[in-house]
Amino acid sequence: MNVNCGRCPAAHQDDPAPCGGPLAVRVLDAVGVGVDGCEHHGARMLASLDRARVHPLPGAPPGAAIRVFQAADGIRPFCWLDGPRIEPSQLSRAENRAHHTR
């Protein structure tokens, strides 16, 4: 855990949500820079990054990376921001898929 803020390193400084458990996954951005996080903040980070990927940490609960990947699909990027969100880049991947199948 990040000692400075009491939350995992994957928690965005503007995201008020508490951690959802111990460090379980590493989220890697498009160039391979990674940060460790709980499943909750790992999913939020994965949802907010283009071409990111997730890997379980050693000793993580079974299925942690899959749960994060599946949760991120339905989370809007930077979901803690208020205001109307209608642009494709502001919608979740699931919402974008639903809009494209209509």
N, C-alpha and C. Protein backbone atom coordinates (compact mmCIF):
# COMPACT_ATOMS: atom_id res chain seq x y z
N MET A 1 0.84 -1.19 0.00
CA MET A 1 0.00 0.00 0.00
C MET A 1 0.88 1.24 0.00
N ASN A 2 0.36 2.28 -0.58
CA ASN A 2 1.07 3.56 -0.61
C ASN A 2 0.93 4.20 0.76
N VAL A 3 2.02 4.36 1.47
CA VAL A 3 2.00 4.89 2.84
C VAL A 3 1.56 6.35 2.88
N ASN A 4 1.85 7.11 1.83
CA ASN A 4 1.55 8.54 1.83
C ASN A 4 0.06 8.84 1.88
N CYS A 5 -0.76 8.08 1.19
CA CYS A 5 -2.18 8.41 1.14
C CYS A 5 -3.05 7.29 1.71
N GLY A 6 -2.46 6.20 2.15
CA GLY A 6 -3.23 5.11 2.71
C GLY A 6 -3.99 4.30 1.68
N ARG A 7 -3.72 4.54 0.41
CA ARG A 7 -4.38 3.79 -0.66
C ARG A 7 -3.32 3.20 -1.58
N CYS A 8 -3.74 2.32 -2.44
CA CYS A 8 -2.79 1.65 -3.33
C CYS A 8 -2.25 2.62 -4.38
N PRO A 9 -1.10 2.28 -4.96
CA PRO A 9 -0.49 3.15 -5.97
C PRO A 9 -1.35 3.37 -7.21
N ALA A 10 -2.30 2.48 -7.49
CA ALA A 10 -3.16 2.64 -8.68
C ALA A 10 -4.29 3.64 -8.45
N ALA A 11 -4.51 4.05 -7.22
CA ALA A 11 -5.60 5.00 -6.93
C ALA A 11 -5.22 6.38 -7.43
N HIS A 12 -6.02 6.92 -8.32
CA HIS A 12 -5.79 8.29 -8.83
C HIS A 12 -5.99 9.27 -7.69
N GLN A 13 -5.17 10.30 -7.63
CA GLN A 13 -5.25 11.27 -6.52
C GLN A 13 -6.60 11.96 -6.43
N ASP A 14 -7.34 12.07 -7.54
CA ASP A 14 -8.65 12.73 -7.52
C ASP A 14 -9.80 11.76 -7.29
N ASP A 15 -9.52 10.47 -7.26
CA ASP A 15 -10.54 9.45 -7.05
C ASP A 15 -10.74 9.26 -5.55
N PRO A 16 -11.94 9.57 -5.05
CA PRO A 16 -12.16 9.50 -3.61
C PRO A 16 -12.43 8.08 -3.06
N ALA A 17 -12.57 7.10 -3.94
CA ALA A 17 -12.95 5.76 -3.50
C ALA A 17 -11.85 5.08 -2.70
N PRO A 18 -12.23 4.38 -1.63
CA PRO A 18 -11.24 3.62 -0.86
C PRO A 18 -10.82 2.37 -1.62
N CYS A 19 -9.71 1.80 -1.20
CA CYS A 19 -9.24 0.56 -1.82
C CYS A 19 -10.22 -0.58 -1.55
N GLY A 20 -10.18 -1.55 -2.47
CA GLY A 20 -11.06 -2.69 -2.36
C GLY A 20 -10.31 -3.96 -2.01
N GLY A 21 -9.32 -3.84 -1.14
CA GLY A 21 -8.57 -5.02 -0.73
C GLY A 21 -7.08 -4.81 -0.92
N PRO A 22 -6.32 -5.89 -0.79
CA PRO A 22 -4.86 -5.80 -0.90
C PRO A 22 -4.42 -5.63 -2.36
N LEU A 23 -3.15 -5.32 -2.54
CA LEU A 23 -2.57 -5.27 -3.87
C LEU A 23 -2.75 -6.63 -4.53
N ALA A 24 -3.28 -6.64 -5.75
CA ALA A 24 -3.57 -7.91 -6.41
C ALA A 24 -3.14 -7.94 -7.87
N VAL A 25 -3.05 -6.77 -8.52
CA VAL A 25 -2.75 -6.74 -9.95
C VAL A 25 -1.75 -5.64 -10.27
N ARG A 26 -1.13 -5.78 -11.43
CA ARG A 26 -0.29 -4.72 -11.99
C ARG A 26 -0.95 -4.31 -13.30
N VAL A 27 -1.24 -3.02 -13.45
CA VAL A 27 -1.79 -2.47 -14.68
C VAL A 27 -0.64 -1.84 -15.44
N LEU A 28 -0.49 -2.25 -16.70
CA LEU A 28 0.57 -1.74 -17.56
C LEU A 28 -0.03 -0.87 -18.64
N ASP A 29 0.58 0.28 -18.89
CA ASP A 29 0.09 1.15 -19.96
C ASP A 29 0.61 0.65 -21.31
N ALA A 30 0.33 1.40 -22.36
CA ALA A 30 0.65 0.97 -23.72
C ALA A 30 2.14 0.78 -23.96
N VAL A 31 2.99 1.45 -23.18
CA VAL A 31 4.44 1.30 -23.37
C VAL A 31 5.07 0.40 -22.32
N GLY A 32 4.26 -0.21 -21.46
CA GLY A 32 4.76 -1.18 -20.49
C GLY A 32 5.10 -0.64 -19.12
N VAL A 33 4.78 0.62 -18.85
CA VAL A 33 4.99 1.17 -17.50
C VAL A 33 3.84 0.67 -16.64
N GLY A 34 4.16 0.11 -15.48
CA GLY A 34 3.13 -0.50 -14.66
C GLY A 34 3.03 0.06 -13.27
N VAL A 35 1.88 -0.16 -12.67
CA VAL A 35 1.64 0.22 -11.28
C VAL A 35 0.77 -0.87 -10.65
N ASP A 36 1.06 -1.16 -9.40
CA ASP A 36 0.32 -2.18 -8.66
C ASP A 36 -0.91 -1.56 -8.03
N GLY A 37 -1.96 -2.37 -7.91
CA GLY A 37 -3.17 -1.86 -7.29
C GLY A 37 -4.08 -2.94 -6.75
N CYS A 38 -5.04 -2.50 -5.97
CA CYS A 38 -6.11 -3.40 -5.53
C CYS A 38 -7.00 -3.67 -6.75
N GLU A 39 -7.88 -4.63 -6.65
CA GLU A 39 -8.75 -4.94 -7.79
C GLU A 39 -9.62 -3.73 -8.16
N HIS A 40 -10.13 -3.02 -7.18
CA HIS A 40 -11.02 -1.88 -7.43
C HIS A 40 -10.30 -0.78 -8.23
N HIS A 41 -9.17 -0.32 -7.73
CA HIS A 41 -8.46 0.76 -8.42
C HIS A 41 -7.75 0.26 -9.68
N GLY A 42 -7.38 -1.01 -9.70
CA GLY A 42 -6.82 -1.58 -10.92
C GLY A 42 -7.83 -1.52 -12.06
N ALA A 43 -9.08 -1.85 -11.77
CA ALA A 43 -10.14 -1.79 -12.79
C ALA A 43 -10.38 -0.35 -13.23
N ARG A 44 -10.41 0.59 -12.29
CA ARG A 44 -10.62 1.99 -12.65
C ARG A 44 -9.48 2.52 -13.50
N MET A 45 -8.25 2.12 -13.16
CA MET A 45 -7.12 2.56 -13.96
C MET A 45 -7.15 1.93 -15.34
N LEU A 46 -7.42 0.64 -15.41
CA LEU A 46 -7.49 -0.05 -16.70
C LEU A 46 -8.55 0.59 -17.59
N ALA A 47 -9.68 0.98 -17.03
CA ALA A 47 -10.75 1.61 -17.80
C ALA A 47 -10.35 2.99 -18.31
N SER A 48 -9.41 3.63 -17.65
CA SER A 48 -9.03 5.00 -18.00
C SER A 48 -7.85 5.09 -18.95
N LEU A 49 -7.22 3.97 -19.26
CA LEU A 49 -6.04 3.97 -20.13
C LEU A 49 -6.33 3.26 -21.45
N ASP A 50 -5.84 3.82 -22.55
CA ASP A 50 -5.95 3.16 -23.84
C ASP A 50 -4.86 2.11 -23.96
N ARG A 51 -5.22 0.96 -24.50
CA ARG A 51 -4.28 -0.13 -24.78
C ARG A 51 -3.52 -0.62 -23.56
N ALA A 52 -4.12 -0.51 -22.40
CA ALA A 52 -3.51 -1.02 -21.17
C ALA A 52 -3.81 -2.50 -21.02
N ARG A 53 -3.07 -3.15 -20.15
CA ARG A 53 -3.31 -4.56 -19.86
C ARG A 53 -3.09 -4.79 -18.37
N VAL A 54 -3.57 -5.93 -17.90
CA VAL A 54 -3.51 -6.22 -16.48
C VAL A 54 -2.93 -7.61 -16.27
N HIS A 55 -2.12 -7.74 -15.22
CA HIS A 55 -1.51 -9.02 -14.85
C HIS A 55 -1.68 -9.21 -13.34
N PRO A 56 -1.85 -10.46 -12.91
CA PRO A 56 -1.94 -10.70 -11.47
C PRO A 56 -0.57 -10.59 -10.82
N LEU A 57 -0.53 -10.13 -9.59
CA LEU A 57 0.70 -10.11 -8.82
C LEU A 57 0.92 -11.50 -8.21
N PRO A 58 2.16 -11.86 -7.93
CA PRO A 58 2.39 -13.14 -7.25
C PRO A 58 1.60 -13.18 -5.94
N GLY A 59 0.93 -14.27 -5.72
CA GLY A 59 0.15 -14.43 -4.50
C GLY A 59 -1.23 -13.80 -4.54
N ALA A 60 -1.61 -13.23 -5.69
CA ALA A 60 -2.94 -12.62 -5.82
C ALA A 60 -4.01 -13.70 -5.74
N PRO A 61 -5.20 -13.33 -5.31
CA PRO A 61 -6.30 -14.30 -5.30
C PRO A 61 -6.54 -14.83 -6.72
N PRO A 62 -6.88 -16.10 -6.85
CA PRO A 62 -7.14 -16.65 -8.18
C PRO A 62 -8.19 -15.83 -8.93
N GLY A 63 -7.93 -15.53 -10.19
CA GLY A 63 -8.88 -14.81 -11.02
C GLY A 63 -8.85 -13.30 -10.87
N ALA A 64 -7.91 -12.76 -10.09
CA ALA A 64 -7.90 -11.31 -9.83
C ALA A 64 -7.80 -10.50 -11.13
N ALA A 65 -6.88 -10.86 -12.00
CA ALA A 65 -6.70 -10.09 -13.24
C ALA A 65 -7.93 -10.20 -14.14
N ILE A 66 -8.54 -11.35 -14.18
CA ILE A 66 -9.75 -11.52 -15.00
C ILE A 66 -10.88 -10.67 -14.44
N ARG A 67 -11.05 -10.66 -13.12
CA ARG A 67 -12.10 -9.83 -12.51
C ARG A 67 -11.86 -8.35 -12.81
N VAL A 68 -10.61 -7.92 -12.73
CA VAL A 68 -10.28 -6.51 -13.03
C VAL A 68 -10.59 -6.21 -14.49
N PHE A 69 -10.18 -7.08 -15.39
CA PHE A 69 -10.44 -6.89 -16.82
C PHE A 69 -11.94 -6.80 -17.09
N GLN A 70 -12.71 -7.69 -16.51
CA GLN A 70 -14.16 -7.69 -16.73
C GLN A 70 -14.82 -6.46 -16.12
N ALA A 71 -14.40 -6.06 -14.94
CA ALA A 71 -14.98 -4.87 -14.30
C ALA A 71 -14.66 -3.62 -15.10
N ALA A 72 -13.43 -3.51 -15.61
CA ALA A 72 -13.02 -2.32 -16.36
C ALA A 72 -13.87 -2.12 -17.60
N ASP A 73 -14.38 -3.18 -18.18
CA ASP A 73 -15.20 -3.09 -19.39
C ASP A 73 -16.43 -2.21 -19.18
N GLY A 74 -17.00 -2.21 -17.99
CA GLY A 74 -18.21 -1.45 -17.71
C GLY A 74 -17.98 -0.14 -16.98
N ILE A 75 -16.73 0.23 -16.75
CA ILE A 75 -16.40 1.45 -16.02
C ILE A 75 -16.02 2.55 -17.00
N ARG A 76 -16.60 3.71 -16.82
CA ARG A 76 -16.24 4.85 -17.66
C ARG A 76 -14.85 5.37 -17.27
N PRO A 77 -14.07 5.84 -18.26
CA PRO A 77 -12.76 6.42 -17.93
C PRO A 77 -12.93 7.57 -16.94
N PHE A 78 -12.05 7.63 -15.97
CA PHE A 78 -12.07 8.68 -14.95
C PHE A 78 -13.49 8.83 -14.39
N CYS A 79 -14.05 7.72 -13.94
CA CYS A 79 -15.46 7.65 -13.54
C CYS A 79 -15.82 8.56 -12.37
N TRP A 80 -14.86 9.07 -11.66
CA TRP A 80 -15.14 9.96 -10.53
C TRP A 80 -15.41 11.40 -10.98
N LEU A 81 -15.22 11.71 -12.26
CA LEU A 81 -15.48 13.06 -12.76
C LEU A 81 -16.98 13.26 -12.99
N ASP A 82 -17.47 14.43 -12.64
CA ASP A 82 -18.88 14.76 -12.82
C ASP A 82 -19.10 15.39 -14.19
N GLY A 83 -20.35 15.55 -14.53
CA GLY A 83 -20.70 16.25 -15.76
C GLY A 83 -21.22 15.29 -16.81
N PRO A 84 -21.80 15.86 -17.86
CA PRO A 84 -22.32 15.02 -18.95
C PRO A 84 -21.19 14.27 -19.64
N ARG A 85 -21.45 13.05 -19.94
CA ARG A 85 -20.43 12.20 -20.58
C ARG A 85 -21.10 11.53 -21.77
N ILE A 86 -20.90 12.11 -22.93
CA ILE A 86 -21.57 11.61 -24.13
C ILE A 86 -20.61 11.25 -25.27
N GLU A 87 -19.38 11.70 -25.19
CA GLU A 87 -18.39 11.39 -26.23
C GLU A 87 -17.92 9.94 -26.06
N PRO A 88 -17.63 9.26 -27.16
CA PRO A 88 -17.15 7.87 -27.05
C PRO A 88 -15.97 7.71 -26.09
N SER A 89 -15.06 8.67 -26.08
CA SER A 89 -13.90 8.56 -25.19
C SER A 89 -14.27 8.69 -23.72
N GLN A 90 -15.50 9.12 -23.43
CA GLN A 90 -15.96 9.30 -22.06
C GLN A 90 -16.85 8.15 -21.60
N LEU A 91 -17.15 7.23 -22.49
CA LEU A 91 -18.02 6.10 -22.18
C LEU A 91 -17.20 4.84 -21.94
N SER A 92 -17.81 3.88 -21.28
CA SER A 92 -17.12 2.61 -21.05
C SER A 92 -17.02 1.84 -22.37
N ARG A 93 -16.16 0.87 -22.38
CA ARG A 93 -16.03 0.03 -23.57
C ARG A 93 -17.35 -0.69 -23.86
N ALA A 94 -18.03 -1.13 -22.82
CA ALA A 94 -19.32 -1.81 -22.99
C ALA A 94 -20.35 -0.86 -23.58
N GLU A 95 -20.39 0.38 -23.11
CA GLU A 95 -21.33 1.36 -23.66
C GLU A 95 -21.03 1.64 -25.13
N ASN A 96 -19.77 1.77 -25.46
CA ASN A 96 -19.40 1.99 -26.86
C ASN A 96 -19.79 0.82 -27.74
N ARG A 97 -19.60 -0.41 -27.27
CA ARG A 97 -20.02 -1.57 -28.05
C ARG A 97 -21.52 -1.56 -28.26
N ALA A 98 -22.27 -1.23 -27.21
CA ALA A 98 -23.74 -1.21 -27.30
C ALA A 98 -24.21 -0.15 -28.30
N HIS A 99 -23.56 1.00 -28.31
CA HIS A 99 -23.94 2.06 -29.25
C HIS A 99 -23.63 1.68 -30.69
N HIS A 100 -22.58 0.90 -30.90
CA HIS A 100 -22.18 0.53 -32.26
C HIS A 100 -22.99 -0.63 -32.80
N THR A 101 -23.74 -1.33 -31.97
CA THR A 101 -24.53 -2.47 -32.44
C THR A 101 -25.98 -2.08 -32.69
N ARG A 102 -26.31 -0.85 -32.47
CA ARG A 102 -27.70 -0.41 -32.69
C ARG A 102 -27.93 -0.09 -34.13
